[in-house]
Amino acid sequence: MSHVTDPQELDLDAYTLCSFVPSLGEKRAVPLVLIGYREGEQPKLVWLVPKEGMDAGELTADPYYKNLLRDPHAYFTRKLNKYVAEYGCVRRGIEAFIACHQQHLAFTPLRDLHRADARPMEVELPREMVAI
C-alpha cells in the first residue's frame, strides 16, 4: 500500500551548520546540528545526530567535548540561550556563539537566505566520488 508523506517544512531566514572536529587541524568533521532562525522567533535546531547524545569515546579523549557529545541538546540550548540573552537578538546571539566556539566546533558562515547575493551552502565531495 502506498503512503503519501506530509513533510514538515522549516522556513529559516538564516542558518549555520555546526560540526564537531575530533582533532584540531583534522580535515574530517561530524555534522551535529543545523542552527537557524526566523526574524522575531527563537532559534531552531535540526539535529543530525541523536538528540539524546552519542558515545564520543572514539572521537575524542577531551572530557569537555565528551560531555558535550553525550548531551548536545542541553549544551546547545544553554549556550544559545546565554548568547541570545547577552546580545538581546537571536541573530547576534548565534553570531557570537559561532565566533566564540570555533575550535573543536566548526561552523559554516551564517547564511542569510533573503539577501540578494545569498548562495546555498556548498559541500566538497570526497575525491573518490568525483569523476575524472
N, C-alpha and C. Protein backbone atom coordinates (compact mmCIF):
# COMPACT_ATOMS: atom_id res chain seq x y z
N MET A 1 0.84 -1.17 0.00
CA MET A 1 0.00 0.00 0.00
C MET A 1 0.89 1.24 0.00
N SER A 2 0.57 2.19 -0.81
CA SER A 2 1.36 3.41 -0.95
C SER A 2 0.91 4.45 0.08
N HIS A 3 1.87 5.07 0.73
CA HIS A 3 1.57 6.10 1.71
C HIS A 3 2.10 7.43 1.20
N VAL A 4 1.30 8.46 1.35
CA VAL A 4 1.74 9.80 0.99
C VAL A 4 2.32 10.43 2.24
N THR A 5 3.52 10.94 2.13
CA THR A 5 4.13 11.59 3.28
C THR A 5 3.77 13.06 3.27
N ASP A 6 3.74 13.62 4.43
CA ASP A 6 3.48 15.05 4.58
C ASP A 6 4.71 15.64 5.25
N PRO A 7 5.71 16.02 4.46
CA PRO A 7 6.95 16.51 5.07
C PRO A 7 6.71 17.79 5.86
N GLN A 8 7.48 17.92 6.92
CA GLN A 8 7.40 19.12 7.73
C GLN A 8 8.44 20.10 7.19
N GLU A 9 8.00 21.29 6.87
CA GLU A 9 8.91 22.29 6.33
C GLU A 9 9.39 23.20 7.44
N LEU A 10 10.61 23.65 7.28
CA LEU A 10 11.21 24.57 8.23
C LEU A 10 11.73 25.75 7.41
N ASP A 11 11.08 26.87 7.52
CA ASP A 11 11.43 28.05 6.75
C ASP A 11 12.31 28.95 7.62
N LEU A 12 13.55 29.15 7.22
CA LEU A 12 14.51 29.92 8.00
C LEU A 12 14.93 31.18 7.26
N ASP A 13 15.28 32.21 8.02
CA ASP A 13 15.86 33.41 7.43
C ASP A 13 17.36 33.24 7.24
N ALA A 14 17.99 32.51 8.16
CA ALA A 14 19.43 32.27 8.09
C ALA A 14 19.75 30.99 8.85
N TYR A 15 20.89 30.38 8.51
CA TYR A 15 21.29 29.15 9.19
C TYR A 15 22.80 28.97 9.15
N THR A 16 23.29 28.11 10.03
CA THR A 16 24.68 27.67 10.04
C THR A 16 24.68 26.18 10.35
N LEU A 17 25.66 25.48 9.86
CA LEU A 17 25.82 24.06 10.16
C LEU A 17 26.98 23.93 11.13
N CYS A 18 26.74 23.29 12.27
CA CYS A 18 27.77 23.08 13.28
C CYS A 18 28.23 21.63 13.23
N SER A 19 29.53 21.44 13.14
CA SER A 19 30.13 20.11 13.12
C SER A 19 31.17 20.01 14.22
N PHE A 20 31.44 18.78 14.66
CA PHE A 20 32.47 18.52 15.66
C PHE A 20 33.73 18.06 14.95
N VAL A 21 34.86 18.73 15.25
CA VAL A 21 36.16 18.37 14.70
C VAL A 21 36.91 17.61 15.78
N PRO A 22 37.09 16.28 15.61
CA PRO A 22 37.71 15.47 16.67
C PRO A 22 39.11 15.94 17.08
N SER A 23 39.95 16.28 16.11
CA SER A 23 41.31 16.74 16.41
C SER A 23 41.55 18.03 15.65
N LEU A 24 42.07 19.04 16.33
CA LEU A 24 42.32 20.32 15.66
C LEU A 24 43.22 20.09 14.46
N GLY A 25 42.89 20.70 13.35
CA GLY A 25 43.65 20.55 12.12
C GLY A 25 43.19 19.39 11.26
N GLU A 26 42.32 18.55 11.79
CA GLU A 26 41.82 17.40 11.03
C GLU A 26 40.87 17.88 9.93
N LYS A 27 40.85 17.15 8.82
CA LYS A 27 40.02 17.56 7.69
C LYS A 27 38.63 16.96 7.73
N ARG A 28 38.38 16.04 8.64
CA ARG A 28 37.03 15.46 8.72
C ARG A 28 36.32 16.05 9.94
N ALA A 29 35.01 16.08 9.84
CA ALA A 29 34.20 16.59 10.94
C ALA A 29 32.88 15.82 10.97
N VAL A 30 32.27 15.77 12.13
CA VAL A 30 30.98 15.09 12.31
C VAL A 30 29.89 16.16 12.39
N PRO A 31 29.02 16.26 11.37
CA PRO A 31 27.93 17.24 11.46
C PRO A 31 27.04 16.93 12.66
N LEU A 32 26.75 17.96 13.46
CA LEU A 32 25.94 17.78 14.67
C LEU A 32 24.54 18.36 14.55
N VAL A 33 24.48 19.63 14.16
CA VAL A 33 23.20 20.33 14.22
C VAL A 33 23.19 21.50 13.24
N LEU A 34 22.04 21.74 12.65
CA LEU A 34 21.82 22.92 11.84
C LEU A 34 21.11 23.91 12.76
N ILE A 35 21.66 25.10 12.89
CA ILE A 35 21.08 26.14 13.75
C ILE A 35 20.56 27.24 12.85
N GLY A 36 19.30 27.56 12.98
CA GLY A 36 18.72 28.60 12.15
C GLY A 36 17.72 29.42 12.93
N TYR A 37 17.18 30.44 12.28
CA TYR A 37 16.17 31.26 12.93
C TYR A 37 15.33 31.98 11.89
N ARG A 38 14.16 32.42 12.33
CA ARG A 38 13.31 33.34 11.59
C ARG A 38 13.22 34.60 12.43
N GLU A 39 13.20 35.73 11.76
CA GLU A 39 13.13 37.02 12.45
C GLU A 39 11.97 37.03 13.44
N GLY A 40 12.26 37.41 14.68
CA GLY A 40 11.25 37.50 15.71
C GLY A 40 10.92 36.19 16.40
N GLU A 41 11.63 35.11 16.04
CA GLU A 41 11.38 33.80 16.65
C GLU A 41 12.64 33.29 17.33
N GLN A 42 12.46 32.26 18.13
CA GLN A 42 13.58 31.61 18.81
C GLN A 42 14.41 30.80 17.81
N PRO A 43 15.68 30.51 18.13
CA PRO A 43 16.49 29.67 17.24
C PRO A 43 15.84 28.30 17.04
N LYS A 44 16.06 27.73 15.88
CA LYS A 44 15.59 26.39 15.55
C LYS A 44 16.80 25.48 15.45
N LEU A 45 16.71 24.27 16.02
CA LEU A 45 17.79 23.30 15.96
C LEU A 45 17.29 22.08 15.19
N VAL A 46 18.05 21.68 14.17
CA VAL A 46 17.75 20.47 13.41
C VAL A 46 18.89 19.51 13.69
N TRP A 47 18.61 18.45 14.44
CA TRP A 47 19.65 17.52 14.89
C TRP A 47 20.06 16.57 13.78
N LEU A 48 21.37 16.41 13.60
CA LEU A 48 21.93 15.49 12.62
C LEU A 48 22.58 14.29 13.30
N VAL A 49 22.53 14.29 14.61
CA VAL A 49 22.94 13.16 15.46
C VAL A 49 21.79 12.93 16.44
N PRO A 50 21.77 11.80 17.12
CA PRO A 50 20.68 11.61 18.09
C PRO A 50 20.65 12.75 19.11
N LYS A 51 19.49 13.34 19.27
CA LYS A 51 19.31 14.45 20.22
C LYS A 51 19.71 14.03 21.63
N GLU A 52 19.57 12.73 21.91
CA GLU A 52 19.90 12.20 23.24
C GLU A 52 21.41 12.09 23.45
N GLY A 53 22.19 12.31 22.42
CA GLY A 53 23.64 12.23 22.56
C GLY A 53 24.22 11.01 21.88
N MET A 54 25.54 10.92 21.95
CA MET A 54 26.24 9.83 21.30
C MET A 54 27.48 9.48 22.09
N ASP A 55 28.01 8.29 21.86
CA ASP A 55 29.23 7.86 22.52
C ASP A 55 30.40 8.53 21.83
N ALA A 56 31.13 9.34 22.56
CA ALA A 56 32.23 10.11 21.99
C ALA A 56 33.58 9.42 22.17
N GLY A 57 33.59 8.22 22.72
CA GLY A 57 34.83 7.52 23.03
C GLY A 57 35.80 7.40 21.88
N GLU A 58 35.31 7.16 20.67
CA GLU A 58 36.19 7.03 19.51
C GLU A 58 36.52 8.37 18.87
N LEU A 59 35.82 9.42 19.25
CA LEU A 59 36.02 10.72 18.62
C LEU A 59 37.00 11.61 19.38
N THR A 60 36.95 11.57 20.70
CA THR A 60 37.78 12.49 21.48
C THR A 60 38.05 11.93 22.87
N ALA A 61 39.19 12.32 23.41
CA ALA A 61 39.51 11.99 24.80
C ALA A 61 39.25 13.18 25.72
N ASP A 62 38.96 14.34 25.13
CA ASP A 62 38.74 15.58 25.87
C ASP A 62 37.43 15.48 26.67
N PRO A 63 37.50 15.58 28.01
CA PRO A 63 36.28 15.42 28.83
C PRO A 63 35.21 16.48 28.54
N TYR A 64 35.62 17.71 28.20
CA TYR A 64 34.64 18.76 27.89
C TYR A 64 33.79 18.36 26.69
N TYR A 65 34.45 17.92 25.63
CA TYR A 65 33.73 17.56 24.41
C TYR A 65 33.03 16.22 24.52
N LYS A 66 33.56 15.31 25.34
CA LYS A 66 32.83 14.06 25.61
C LYS A 66 31.49 14.38 26.26
N ASN A 67 31.50 15.30 27.21
CA ASN A 67 30.27 15.71 27.89
C ASN A 67 29.32 16.38 26.90
N LEU A 68 29.84 17.25 26.06
CA LEU A 68 29.02 17.93 25.06
C LEU A 68 28.34 16.91 24.15
N LEU A 69 29.09 15.92 23.67
CA LEU A 69 28.54 14.94 22.74
C LEU A 69 27.58 13.96 23.42
N ARG A 70 27.72 13.77 24.74
CA ARG A 70 26.79 12.92 25.48
C ARG A 70 25.42 13.58 25.62
N ASP A 71 25.39 14.92 25.66
CA ASP A 71 24.12 15.64 25.81
C ASP A 71 24.16 16.93 24.99
N PRO A 72 24.17 16.80 23.65
CA PRO A 72 24.28 18.01 22.82
C PRO A 72 23.08 18.94 22.97
N HIS A 73 21.90 18.40 23.21
CA HIS A 73 20.71 19.24 23.35
C HIS A 73 20.87 20.23 24.49
N ALA A 74 21.30 19.75 25.64
CA ALA A 74 21.48 20.63 26.80
C ALA A 74 22.58 21.66 26.53
N TYR A 75 23.68 21.23 25.93
CA TYR A 75 24.80 22.13 25.66
C TYR A 75 24.38 23.26 24.72
N PHE A 76 23.80 22.91 23.57
CA PHE A 76 23.45 23.93 22.59
C PHE A 76 22.32 24.83 23.09
N THR A 77 21.36 24.27 23.81
CA THR A 77 20.29 25.09 24.38
C THR A 77 20.85 26.09 25.37
N ARG A 78 21.72 25.63 26.27
CA ARG A 78 22.32 26.52 27.28
C ARG A 78 23.15 27.62 26.62
N LYS A 79 24.01 27.24 25.66
CA LYS A 79 24.88 28.24 25.03
C LYS A 79 24.08 29.24 24.20
N LEU A 80 23.13 28.76 23.41
CA LEU A 80 22.33 29.69 22.61
C LEU A 80 21.53 30.64 23.49
N ASN A 81 20.92 30.11 24.56
CA ASN A 81 20.18 30.99 25.48
C ASN A 81 21.09 32.05 26.07
N LYS A 82 22.29 31.66 26.45
CA LYS A 82 23.26 32.60 27.03
C LYS A 82 23.57 33.73 26.06
N TYR A 83 23.92 33.40 24.82
CA TYR A 83 24.32 34.43 23.87
C TYR A 83 23.14 35.27 23.38
N VAL A 84 21.98 34.66 23.18
CA VAL A 84 20.81 35.44 22.76
C VAL A 84 20.43 36.43 23.86
N ALA A 85 20.46 36.00 25.12
CA ALA A 85 20.14 36.90 26.24
C ALA A 85 21.18 38.01 26.35
N GLU A 86 22.45 37.65 26.20
CA GLU A 86 23.54 38.63 26.33
C GLU A 86 23.47 39.70 25.25
N TYR A 87 23.13 39.30 24.01
CA TYR A 87 23.13 40.25 22.90
C TYR A 87 21.75 40.80 22.58
N GLY A 88 20.70 40.24 23.20
CA GLY A 88 19.36 40.76 23.02
C GLY A 88 18.78 40.57 21.63
N CYS A 89 19.36 39.66 20.86
CA CYS A 89 18.93 39.45 19.48
C CYS A 89 19.35 38.04 19.07
N VAL A 90 18.43 37.31 18.43
CA VAL A 90 18.74 35.93 18.05
C VAL A 90 19.91 35.89 17.07
N ARG A 91 19.87 36.71 16.03
CA ARG A 91 20.95 36.68 15.03
C ARG A 91 22.30 36.99 15.66
N ARG A 92 22.39 38.07 16.44
CA ARG A 92 23.67 38.42 17.07
C ARG A 92 24.10 37.37 18.08
N GLY A 93 23.14 36.74 18.75
CA GLY A 93 23.47 35.66 19.68
C GLY A 93 24.08 34.47 18.97
N ILE A 94 23.51 34.09 17.82
CA ILE A 94 24.06 32.99 17.02
C ILE A 94 25.44 33.37 16.50
N GLU A 95 25.60 34.60 16.02
CA GLU A 95 26.91 35.05 15.52
C GLU A 95 27.96 35.01 16.63
N ALA A 96 27.59 35.41 17.85
CA ALA A 96 28.53 35.37 18.98
C ALA A 96 28.88 33.93 19.33
N PHE A 97 27.90 33.05 19.31
CA PHE A 97 28.14 31.63 19.58
C PHE A 97 29.15 31.08 18.57
N ILE A 98 28.96 31.40 17.30
CA ILE A 98 29.88 30.95 16.25
C ILE A 98 31.28 31.51 16.51
N ALA A 99 31.37 32.80 16.80
CA ALA A 99 32.68 33.45 16.99
C ALA A 99 33.44 32.90 18.18
N CYS A 100 32.73 32.52 19.23
CA CYS A 100 33.39 32.08 20.46
C CYS A 100 33.70 30.59 20.51
N HIS A 101 33.21 29.81 19.58
CA HIS A 101 33.34 28.35 19.69
C HIS A 101 33.89 27.73 18.41
N GLN A 102 34.87 28.36 17.78
CA GLN A 102 35.41 27.86 16.52
C GLN A 102 36.68 27.04 16.72
N GLN A 103 36.68 26.06 17.58
CA GLN A 103 37.83 25.16 17.68
C GLN A 103 37.37 23.76 17.33
N HIS A 104 37.01 22.98 18.33
CA HIS A 104 36.50 21.64 18.03
C HIS A 104 35.10 21.69 17.42
N LEU A 105 34.42 22.81 17.57
CA LEU A 105 33.16 23.01 16.88
C LEU A 105 33.44 23.89 15.68
N ALA A 106 33.06 23.43 14.51
CA ALA A 106 33.29 24.19 13.28
C ALA A 106 31.92 24.60 12.72
N PHE A 107 31.79 25.86 12.40
CA PHE A 107 30.53 26.39 11.89
C PHE A 107 30.72 26.89 10.47
N THR A 108 29.73 26.66 9.62
CA THR A 108 29.74 27.32 8.32
C THR A 108 29.38 28.78 8.58
N PRO A 109 29.72 29.67 7.66
CA PRO A 109 29.28 31.06 7.83
C PRO A 109 27.75 31.10 7.94
N LEU A 110 27.24 32.02 8.74
CA LEU A 110 25.80 32.19 8.87
C LEU A 110 25.25 32.62 7.51
N ARG A 111 24.39 31.82 6.93
CA ARG A 111 23.85 32.08 5.59
C ARG A 111 22.51 32.79 5.71
N ASP A 112 22.44 34.00 5.18
CA ASP A 112 21.20 34.77 5.16
C ASP A 112 20.49 34.45 3.85
N LEU A 113 19.37 33.76 3.92
CA LEU A 113 18.69 33.27 2.72
C LEU A 113 17.91 34.33 1.98
N HIS A 114 17.74 35.51 2.56
CA HIS A 114 16.93 36.54 1.92
C HIS A 114 17.76 37.69 1.33
N ARG A 115 19.08 37.57 1.40
CA ARG A 115 19.93 38.58 0.75
C ARG A 115 19.96 38.30 -0.74
N ALA A 116 20.08 39.34 -1.53
CA ALA A 116 20.09 39.19 -2.98
C ALA A 116 21.27 38.34 -3.45
N ASP A 117 22.40 38.45 -2.76
CA ASP A 117 23.60 37.70 -3.18
C ASP A 117 23.76 36.38 -2.42
N ALA A 118 22.71 35.95 -1.73
CA ALA A 118 22.80 34.71 -0.94
C ALA A 118 23.02 33.51 -1.86
N ARG A 119 23.93 32.66 -1.43
CA ARG A 119 24.21 31.42 -2.17
C ARG A 119 23.99 30.25 -1.23
N PRO A 120 23.52 29.13 -1.76
CA PRO A 120 23.35 27.97 -0.89
C PRO A 120 24.70 27.42 -0.44
N MET A 121 24.66 26.64 0.63
CA MET A 121 25.86 26.00 1.15
C MET A 121 26.40 25.02 0.11
N GLU A 122 27.70 24.97 -0.02
CA GLU A 122 28.33 24.01 -0.92
C GLU A 122 28.99 22.92 -0.10
N VAL A 123 29.00 21.71 -0.64
CA VAL A 123 29.60 20.57 0.02
C VAL A 123 30.73 20.06 -0.86
N GLU A 124 31.89 19.86 -0.26
CA GLU A 124 33.02 19.31 -1.00
C GLU A 124 32.91 17.80 -0.99
N LEU A 125 32.87 17.21 -2.18
CA LEU A 125 32.74 15.76 -2.30
C LEU A 125 34.08 15.07 -2.13
N PRO A 126 34.06 13.87 -1.56
CA PRO A 126 35.32 13.11 -1.45
C PRO A 126 35.88 12.85 -2.84
N ARG A 127 37.19 12.82 -2.93
CA ARG A 127 37.87 12.65 -4.21
C ARG A 127 37.35 11.43 -4.98
N GLU A 128 37.09 10.32 -4.28
CA GLU A 128 36.66 9.10 -4.96
C GLU A 128 35.27 9.22 -5.58
N MET A 129 34.49 10.23 -5.19
CA MET A 129 33.16 10.41 -5.76
C MET A 129 33.17 11.31 -6.98
N VAL A 130 34.27 11.97 -7.24
CA VAL A 130 34.36 12.91 -8.35
C VAL A 130 34.87 12.17 -9.58
N ALA A 131 34.11 12.23 -10.67
CA ALA A 131 34.53 11.58 -11.92
C ALA A 131 35.66 12.39 -12.54
N ILE A 132 36.66 11.68 -12.98
CA ILE A 132 37.83 12.36 -13.58
C ILE A 132 37.76 12.28 -15.07
